[in-house]
Amino acid sequence: MEFVLQFNDIRLFQWIAMITAASLGIVMLLIKVPHTEHATRLTRAKSMVALDYLFCAFIFGYTLGHQHIDEYEVFSALMMLINVAFSTTTITFSLLNLLSYRYVDFSKLLLSLFGMAIVSIGLVEMFFNGENGLLKITLIASIVLFAALCIYYIIIFDKWYKRSILMLEKYYDEDEEHKLKWVKFCFILAMLTEMVVIVYLLFFRDFMFIYIGFYILFLLYFAGNFISFIGSHKLLLDAFGHYAISQAGKSTRKRKNRRRPVKELPDSGQATYGKIKAALSAWVEQKKYREYDKSREEIAAELGTTKELLNQYFIQEMGQDFRTWRTGLRIEDAKQILLENRKVSTNIVGEMVGFSDRSNFHRQFTKIAGCSPKQWRETEGKTVPGEEASTVPSSQGSTGYGY
């Protein structure tokens, strides 16, 4: 094992990659998914990722088993293409299972993997048989086809990623994109690893050890984020599951409801609105608007009403939606804290008033106050343009419980 002493020897990095992938795959298999109503999809995604890591370890082991052949670096690059092709496909389907509220067709994954297996076996046989001309033609054709497949993955992923963000925001009434940014980033990295190895095969024949080192870091990064998602973001799965259930069989009814004009409520309905108004007043006094990761249904239950009636109340009586109104309350609260507690950082202030993402807090504060939280504190809140544009209902408004 003299090659272990040489830092730039490709075999050293392949050994590290094999051990890393095998270890992470075993860890993935042993991790238990939280038992929630809609966690089956996450279990399937976890199993797919674990099997992908074990397959990755197998490919590196198979490559190392032929380390004494001529043109070993070219053979390693060919095996990396096969490895990344399988990995990209499996990871894409795994992430889509996390992002979609319904199962991704598993037969499509099996069909894709079966086709890749046939092509991969053919490429390896041609390499060992010395059919360089046929190997080159087949390799180029395979690269073109897989590049087209990657484009398809990108289109599908972008579609479901945007839908997932909308589902989360409707369920929790928050700006929740930060909870899924790692998914998008990992998908981009997976696509980049594929593009890099393609470029390497077409134009380069050296420095493969650098690429494998980068791939090891990708395996660690993806596994770390995926495990973190399993342990701390199960609420996202509930949001997707809730959306799937609530949307089942409702599309026709929704279209009909949109055509109906808003009717005036009878006296009993006005009395209900009065109860909602009183409940909201107490809710604000208790600063319940600071709580986050709560669905609209949970908030409506706290107020003694339903989500639908609460939505209708805000549209008819407030002239704005609940989310905008609550954001305004949080910003007004943050304004006071920024001036009264100057030792508290602006990021902590954002968390105190209910923003789980610091970038969202700064964005919403600037939008409503007309300046950043830091500028608001430095100017004592007196010379801030756009303050008059705040969306928070005033104490003279129809509600009687604004700031």
Protein backbone atom coordinates (compact mmCIF):
# COMPACT_ATOMS: atom_id res chain seq x y z
CA MET A 1 0.00 0.00 0.00
CA GLU A 2 2.76 2.43 -0.87
CA PHE A 3 0.32 4.65 -2.73
CA VAL A 4 -1.24 5.73 0.58
CA LEU A 5 1.88 7.77 1.31
CA GLN A 6 1.41 9.86 -1.86
CA PHE A 7 -1.11 12.62 -1.33
CA ASN A 8 -1.87 13.13 -5.00
CA ASP A 9 -2.33 9.43 -5.78
CA ILE A 10 -5.86 8.85 -7.06
CA ARG A 11 -6.12 5.54 -5.22
CA LEU A 12 -5.78 7.22 -1.82
CA PHE A 13 -8.83 9.38 -2.54
CA GLN A 14 -10.73 6.39 -3.88
CA TRP A 15 -10.10 4.48 -0.66
CA ILE A 16 -11.31 7.44 1.39
CA ALA A 17 -14.38 7.84 -0.83
CA MET A 18 -15.23 4.14 -0.57
CA ILE A 19 -14.98 4.10 3.22
CA THR A 20 -16.91 7.37 3.54
CA ALA A 21 -19.73 6.29 1.23
CA ALA A 22 -20.07 2.87 2.88
CA SER A 23 -20.11 4.38 6.39
CA LEU A 24 -22.70 7.01 5.50
CA GLY A 25 -24.85 4.43 3.72
CA ILE A 26 -24.92 2.20 6.79
CA VAL A 27 -25.69 5.18 9.04
CA MET A 28 -28.59 6.15 6.76
CA LEU A 29 -30.04 2.66 6.95
CA LEU A 30 -29.85 2.65 10.75
CA ILE A 31 -31.46 6.06 11.25
CA LYS A 32 -35.11 5.87 12.25
CA VAL A 33 -37.56 8.30 10.71
CA PRO A 34 -39.96 10.03 13.15
CA HIS A 35 -43.30 8.25 13.15
CA THR A 36 -45.65 10.86 11.73
CA GLU A 37 -48.72 10.40 9.60
CA HIS A 38 -46.96 11.44 6.41
CA ALA A 39 -43.41 10.17 7.01
CA THR A 40 -43.59 7.24 4.59
CA ARG A 41 -42.27 9.43 1.80
CA LEU A 42 -39.26 10.44 3.90
CA THR A 43 -38.56 6.79 4.74
CA ARG A 44 -38.49 5.92 1.05
CA ALA A 45 -36.18 8.85 0.27
CA LYS A 46 -33.85 7.84 3.11
CA SER A 47 -33.65 4.27 1.85
CA MET A 48 -32.92 5.45 -1.68
CA VAL A 49 -30.10 7.70 -0.47
CA ALA A 50 -28.64 4.91 1.70
CA LEU A 51 -28.63 2.46 -1.22
CA ASP A 52 -27.08 5.10 -3.45
CA TYR A 53 -24.23 5.60 -0.97
CA LEU A 54 -23.63 1.85 -0.75
CA PHE A 55 -23.64 1.61 -4.54
CA CYS A 56 -21.15 4.47 -4.64
CA ALA A 57 -18.88 2.52 -2.26
CA PHE A 58 -19.21 -0.55 -4.49
CA ILE A 59 -18.16 1.43 -7.60
CA PHE A 60 -15.08 2.79 -5.84
CA GLY A 61 -14.23 -0.71 -4.62
CA TYR A 62 -14.67 -2.15 -8.10
CA THR A 63 -12.43 0.57 -9.52
CA LEU A 64 -9.72 -0.10 -6.94
CA GLY A 65 -9.88 -3.77 -7.84
CA HIS A 66 -8.41 -2.86 -11.26
CA GLN A 67 -5.78 -0.41 -10.06
CA HIS A 68 -2.91 -2.12 -11.89
CA ILE A 69 -4.34 -1.81 -15.40
CA ASP A 70 -2.97 0.58 -17.99
CA GLU A 71 -4.75 3.93 -18.31
CA TYR A 72 -6.07 3.56 -14.78
CA GLU A 73 -6.92 7.25 -14.52
CA VAL A 74 -9.06 7.05 -17.67
CA PHE A 75 -10.78 3.97 -16.26
CA SER A 76 -11.35 5.83 -12.98
CA ALA A 77 -12.92 8.73 -14.85
CA LEU A 78 -15.21 6.35 -16.74
CA MET A 79 -16.29 4.72 -13.47
CA MET A 80 -16.85 8.13 -11.91
CA LEU A 81 -19.19 8.99 -14.77
CA ILE A 82 -21.14 5.81 -14.10
CA ASN A 83 -21.11 6.51 -10.38
CA VAL A 84 -22.31 10.09 -10.72
CA ALA A 85 -24.95 9.14 -13.29
CA PHE A 86 -26.54 6.66 -10.89
CA SER A 87 -26.08 8.99 -7.92
CA THR A 88 -27.58 12.03 -9.64
CA THR A 89 -30.64 10.06 -10.72
CA THR A 90 -31.22 8.52 -7.28
CA ILE A 91 -30.65 11.77 -5.38
CA THR A 92 -32.98 13.64 -7.73
CA PHE A 93 -35.80 11.15 -7.16
CA SER A 94 -35.11 11.22 -3.40
CA LEU A 95 -35.36 15.00 -3.26
CA LEU A 96 -38.49 14.98 -5.39
CA ASN A 97 -40.07 12.58 -2.89
CA LEU A 98 -39.35 15.16 -0.20
CA LEU A 99 -40.70 18.09 -2.21
CA SER A 100 -43.86 16.58 -3.69
CA TYR A 101 -47.10 15.93 -1.81
CA ARG A 102 -47.61 12.71 -3.77
CA TYR A 103 -45.25 9.84 -4.47
CA VAL A 104 -42.93 10.14 -7.42
CA ASP A 105 -43.47 7.25 -9.81
CA PHE A 106 -40.95 4.66 -8.62
CA SER A 107 -41.16 2.76 -11.91
CA LYS A 108 -39.54 5.72 -13.70
CA LEU A 109 -36.56 5.51 -11.37
CA LEU A 110 -36.19 1.76 -11.92
CA LEU A 111 -36.45 2.24 -15.69
CA SER A 112 -33.78 4.95 -15.63
CA LEU A 113 -31.44 2.87 -13.48
CA PHE A 114 -31.95 -0.21 -15.65
CA GLY A 115 -31.06 1.74 -18.80
CA MET A 116 -27.97 3.18 -17.13
CA ALA A 117 -26.91 -0.27 -15.98
CA ILE A 118 -27.01 -1.65 -19.53
CA VAL A 119 -25.05 1.30 -20.92
CA SER A 120 -22.52 1.12 -18.07
CA ILE A 121 -21.87 -2.58 -18.58
CA GLY A 122 -21.39 -1.95 -22.29
CA LEU A 123 -18.90 0.87 -21.67
CA VAL A 124 -16.85 -1.22 -19.25
CA GLU A 125 -16.76 -4.20 -21.65
CA MET A 126 -15.65 -1.98 -24.54
CA PHE A 127 -12.90 -0.47 -22.38
CA PHE A 128 -11.46 -3.84 -21.42
CA ASN A 129 -11.79 -5.23 -24.96
CA GLY A 130 -9.78 -2.33 -26.36
CA GLU A 131 -12.55 -1.16 -28.69
CA ASN A 132 -11.49 2.47 -28.42
CA GLY A 133 -13.38 3.73 -31.45
CA LEU A 134 -16.68 2.19 -30.46
CA LEU A 135 -16.08 3.19 -26.84
CA LYS A 136 -15.60 6.82 -27.82
CA ILE A 137 -18.78 6.91 -29.91
CA THR A 138 -20.83 5.18 -27.23
CA LEU A 139 -19.39 7.40 -24.51
CA ILE A 140 -20.25 10.60 -26.40
CA ALA A 141 -23.77 9.33 -27.12
CA SER A 142 -24.20 8.40 -23.44
CA ILE A 143 -23.00 11.82 -22.32
CA VAL A 144 -25.44 13.59 -24.66
CA LEU A 145 -28.37 11.46 -23.51
CA PHE A 146 -27.55 11.90 -19.85
CA ALA A 147 -27.10 15.65 -20.30
CA ALA A 148 -30.63 15.73 -21.77
CA LEU A 149 -31.84 13.70 -18.79
CA CYS A 150 -30.23 16.21 -16.42
CA ILE A 151 -32.10 19.04 -18.14
CA TYR A 152 -35.32 17.12 -17.59
CA TYR A 153 -34.41 16.67 -13.91
CA ILE A 154 -33.78 20.41 -13.56
CA ILE A 155 -37.18 21.29 -15.05
CA ILE A 156 -39.05 18.83 -12.82
CA PHE A 157 -37.12 19.79 -9.71
CA ASP A 158 -37.71 23.52 -10.25
CA LYS A 159 -41.43 22.88 -10.67
CA TRP A 160 -41.79 20.92 -7.44
CA TYR A 161 -39.46 23.16 -5.46
CA LYS A 162 -41.62 26.20 -6.18
CA ARG A 163 -44.77 24.26 -5.36
CA SER A 164 -43.30 23.08 -2.07
CA ILE A 165 -42.45 26.62 -1.00
CA LEU A 166 -46.03 27.69 -1.70
CA MET A 167 -47.40 24.73 0.29
CA LEU A 168 -45.23 25.60 3.28
CA GLU A 169 -46.16 29.26 3.24
CA LYS A 170 -49.86 28.47 3.02
CA TYR A 171 -49.69 25.93 5.83
CA TYR A 172 -47.51 27.86 8.28
CA ASP A 173 -48.23 31.37 7.04
CA GLU A 174 -44.50 32.11 7.11
CA ASP A 175 -41.65 32.70 4.70
CA GLU A 176 -40.31 29.14 4.88
CA GLU A 177 -37.93 28.92 1.93
CA HIS A 178 -34.91 28.85 4.23
CA LYS A 179 -35.93 25.39 5.44
CA LEU A 180 -35.60 23.98 1.95
CA LYS A 181 -32.62 25.91 0.65
CA TRP A 182 -30.33 22.99 1.42
CA VAL A 183 -32.42 20.79 -0.89
CA LYS A 184 -31.97 23.22 -3.75
CA PHE A 185 -28.27 23.66 -3.04
CA CYS A 186 -27.65 19.91 -2.89
CA PHE A 187 -29.48 19.41 -6.16
CA ILE A 188 -27.34 22.09 -7.81
CA LEU A 189 -24.20 20.45 -6.45
CA ALA A 190 -25.33 17.08 -7.80
CA MET A 191 -25.83 18.60 -11.24
CA LEU A 192 -22.44 20.32 -11.07
CA THR A 193 -20.63 17.11 -10.15
CA GLU A 194 -22.11 15.48 -13.22
CA MET A 195 -21.13 18.36 -15.50
CA VAL A 196 -17.58 18.43 -14.10
CA VAL A 197 -16.94 14.75 -14.76
CA ILE A 198 -18.36 15.09 -18.28
CA VAL A 199 -16.02 17.99 -19.01
CA TYR A 200 -13.16 16.01 -17.49
CA LEU A 201 -13.80 13.03 -19.75
CA LEU A 202 -14.03 15.20 -22.85
CA PHE A 203 -11.09 17.54 -22.32
CA PHE A 204 -8.79 16.43 -19.48
CA ARG A 205 -6.81 13.39 -18.43
CA ASP A 206 -5.29 14.47 -15.15
CA PHE A 207 -6.10 15.75 -11.64
CA MET A 208 -8.83 13.18 -11.08
CA PHE A 209 -7.86 13.00 -7.40
CA ILE A 210 -9.06 16.61 -6.96
CA TYR A 211 -12.46 15.78 -8.36
CA ILE A 212 -12.82 12.71 -6.13
CA GLY A 213 -11.85 14.85 -3.14
CA PHE A 214 -14.63 17.29 -4.03
CA TYR A 215 -17.04 14.37 -4.41
CA ILE A 216 -16.20 13.15 -0.90
CA LEU A 217 -17.08 16.58 0.48
CA PHE A 218 -20.36 16.49 -1.44
CA LEU A 219 -21.25 13.10 0.05
CA LEU A 220 -20.58 14.41 3.56
CA TYR A 221 -22.48 17.65 3.00
CA PHE A 222 -25.55 15.99 1.54
CA ALA A 223 -25.66 13.29 4.23
CA GLY A 224 -25.32 15.87 7.01
CA ASN A 225 -28.16 18.01 5.70
CA PHE A 226 -30.38 15.03 4.98
CA ILE A 227 -29.93 13.63 8.49
CA SER A 228 -30.62 17.08 9.95
CA PHE A 229 -33.80 17.25 7.87
CA ILE A 230 -34.96 13.91 9.26
CA GLY A 231 -34.40 15.00 12.84
CA SER A 232 -35.62 18.57 12.91
CA HIS A 233 -37.87 19.37 9.96
CA LYS A 234 -40.64 16.79 10.15
CA LEU A 235 -43.19 19.61 10.25
CA LEU A 236 -42.55 20.15 6.56
CA LEU A 237 -43.79 16.64 5.88
CA ASP A 238 -47.00 17.39 7.76
CA ALA A 239 -47.52 20.46 5.60
CA PHE A 240 -47.16 18.43 2.41
CA GLY A 241 -49.41 15.71 3.74
CA HIS A 242 -52.02 18.23 4.82
CA TYR A 243 -51.95 19.82 1.40
CA ALA A 244 -52.43 16.47 -0.32
CA ILE A 245 -55.43 15.63 1.86
CA SER A 246 -57.03 19.08 1.67
CA GLN A 247 -56.69 19.23 -2.12
CA ALA A 248 -58.14 15.77 -2.77
CA GLY A 249 -61.36 16.15 -4.70
CA LYS A 250 -61.60 19.92 -4.15
CA SER A 251 -60.47 21.32 -7.47
CA THR A 252 -63.99 21.48 -8.92
CA ARG A 253 -65.45 22.98 -5.78
CA LYS A 254 -62.73 25.64 -5.68
CA ARG A 255 -63.51 26.78 -9.20
CA LYS A 256 -67.16 27.13 -8.28
CA ASN A 257 -66.43 29.02 -5.09
CA ARG A 258 -64.35 31.60 -6.95
CA ARG A 259 -67.35 32.65 -8.98
CA ARG A 260 -69.56 33.29 -5.99
CA PRO A 261 -69.69 36.92 -4.80
CA VAL A 262 -69.01 37.62 -1.14
CA LYS A 263 -72.31 37.82 0.71
CA GLU A 264 -73.11 40.05 3.65
CA LEU A 265 -73.26 38.14 6.89
CA PRO A 266 -76.50 37.95 8.86
CA ASP A 267 -76.66 39.21 12.43
CA SER A 268 -75.41 35.87 13.75
CA GLY A 269 -72.40 36.15 11.45
CA GLN A 270 -71.65 39.66 12.69
CA ALA A 271 -71.79 38.34 16.23
CA THR A 272 -69.26 35.68 15.22
CA TYR A 273 -67.02 38.42 13.84
CA GLY A 274 -67.31 40.21 17.15
CA LYS A 275 -66.05 37.11 18.94
CA ILE A 276 -63.14 36.81 16.52
CA LYS A 277 -62.30 40.48 17.08
CA ALA A 278 -62.27 40.02 20.85
CA ALA A 279 -60.21 36.84 20.58
CA LEU A 280 -57.70 38.57 18.31
CA SER A 281 -57.40 41.45 20.75
CA ALA A 282 -56.50 39.05 23.57
CA TRP A 283 -54.21 37.14 21.20
CA VAL A 284 -52.28 40.33 20.44
CA GLU A 285 -52.06 41.35 24.10
CA GLN A 286 -50.52 37.97 24.90
CA LYS A 287 -48.07 38.51 22.01
CA LYS A 288 -49.06 35.17 20.47
CA TYR A 289 -48.04 36.57 17.10
CA ARG A 290 -44.44 35.93 18.14
CA GLU A 291 -44.96 32.17 17.85
CA TYR A 292 -43.96 30.52 14.58
CA ASP A 293 -44.12 27.03 13.01
CA LYS A 294 -47.85 27.03 13.64
CA SER A 295 -50.35 26.27 10.92
CA ARG A 296 -53.33 28.50 10.19
CA GLU A 297 -55.60 25.75 11.57
CA GLU A 298 -53.77 25.81 14.92
CA ILE A 299 -54.01 29.59 15.16
CA ALA A 300 -57.70 29.55 14.25
CA ALA A 301 -58.31 26.92 16.94
CA GLU A 302 -56.60 29.17 19.51
CA LEU A 303 -59.00 31.93 18.50
CA GLY A 304 -62.01 29.67 18.77
CA THR A 305 -62.86 29.71 15.07
CA THR A 306 -61.99 27.99 11.79
CA LYS A 307 -59.38 28.81 9.17
CA GLU A 308 -62.04 29.61 6.57
CA LEU A 309 -63.95 31.98 8.86
CA LEU A 310 -60.73 33.67 9.97
CA ASN A 311 -59.74 34.24 6.33
CA GLN A 312 -63.16 35.68 5.57
CA TYR A 313 -62.98 37.97 8.59
CA PHE A 314 -59.67 39.46 7.52
CA ILE A 315 -60.78 39.97 3.93
CA GLN A 316 -64.08 41.65 4.83
CA GLU A 317 -63.20 43.48 8.03
CA MET A 318 -59.47 44.15 7.75
CA GLY A 319 -58.94 44.49 4.02
CA GLN A 320 -55.78 42.39 4.14
CA ASP A 321 -54.78 38.80 4.79
CA PHE A 322 -53.79 37.40 8.16
CA ARG A 323 -50.17 36.87 7.24
CA THR A 324 -49.61 40.50 6.22
CA TRP A 325 -51.36 41.74 9.34
CA ARG A 326 -49.31 39.53 11.65
CA THR A 327 -46.06 40.51 9.91
CA GLY A 328 -46.91 44.13 10.60
CA LEU A 329 -47.44 43.38 14.29
CA ARG A 330 -44.07 41.65 14.46
CA ILE A 331 -42.28 44.57 12.82
CA GLU A 332 -43.92 47.09 15.16
CA ASP A 333 -42.86 44.93 18.09
CA ALA A 334 -39.32 44.75 16.70
CA LYS A 335 -39.20 48.55 16.35
CA GLN A 336 -39.85 48.98 20.05
CA ILE A 337 -37.38 46.31 21.12
CA LEU A 338 -34.65 47.77 18.91
CA LEU A 339 -34.94 51.11 20.69
CA GLU A 340 -35.56 49.82 24.21
CA ASN A 341 -32.94 47.03 24.25
CA ARG A 342 -29.94 48.29 22.35
CA LYS A 343 -27.63 45.53 23.53
CA VAL A 344 -29.74 42.87 21.80
CA SER A 345 -28.56 42.14 18.25
CA THR A 346 -30.94 42.71 15.37
CA ASN A 347 -30.93 39.00 14.53
CA ILE A 348 -32.00 38.09 18.06
CA VAL A 349 -34.73 40.74 17.89
CA GLY A 350 -36.05 39.10 14.75
CA GLU A 351 -36.23 35.74 16.51
CA MET A 352 -37.88 37.31 19.56
CA VAL A 353 -40.78 38.71 17.54
CA GLY A 354 -41.39 35.52 15.57
CA PHE A 355 -39.13 35.42 12.51
CA SER A 356 -37.38 32.06 12.19
CA ASP A 357 -35.21 33.33 9.31
CA ARG A 358 -33.02 36.40 9.74
CA SER A 359 -33.02 37.31 6.05
CA ASN A 360 -36.82 37.33 6.03
CA PHE A 361 -36.85 39.59 9.10
CA HIS A 362 -34.52 42.12 7.48
CA ARG A 363 -36.48 41.98 4.22
CA GLN A 364 -39.86 42.49 5.88
CA PHE A 365 -38.54 45.20 8.22
CA THR A 366 -37.06 47.18 5.33
CA LYS A 367 -40.27 46.78 3.32
CA ILE A 368 -42.49 48.09 6.11
CA ALA A 369 -40.23 50.55 7.95
CA GLY A 370 -38.36 51.84 4.91
CA CYS A 371 -34.94 51.09 6.38
CA SER A 372 -32.96 48.25 7.90
CA PRO A 373 -33.27 47.34 11.61
CA LYS A 374 -29.78 48.72 12.19
CA GLN A 375 -30.67 52.05 10.56
CA TRP A 376 -33.89 52.25 12.57
CA ARG A 377 -31.93 51.88 15.80
CA GLU A 378 -29.21 54.35 14.79
CA THR A 379 -31.70 57.07 13.81
CA GLU A 380 -33.91 56.52 16.86
CA GLY A 381 -36.74 55.68 14.52
CA LYS A 382 -37.32 59.37 13.73
CA THR A 383 -35.86 59.92 10.27
CA VAL A 384 -37.01 56.79 8.53
CA PRO A 385 -38.60 57.29 5.11
CA GLY A 386 -41.51 55.01 4.32
CA GLU A 387 -42.57 54.50 7.95
CA GLU A 388 -45.96 55.81 7.04
CA ALA A 389 -46.34 52.87 4.66
CA SER A 390 -46.53 50.38 7.51
CA THR A 391 -49.24 47.79 7.01
CA VAL A 392 -50.05 47.51 10.72
CA PRO A 393 -53.62 48.59 11.61
CA SER A 394 -53.59 51.61 13.86
CA SER A 395 -55.43 51.95 17.17
CA GLN A 396 -57.95 54.23 15.44
CA GLY A 397 -58.76 51.54 12.90
CA SER A 398 -61.79 49.29 12.86
CA THR A 399 -60.15 46.62 14.99
CA GLY A 400 -59.28 48.64 18.04
CA TYR A 401 -56.26 46.56 18.99
CA GLY A 402 -53.48 47.77 16.73
CA TYR A 403 -50.17 49.11 17.94
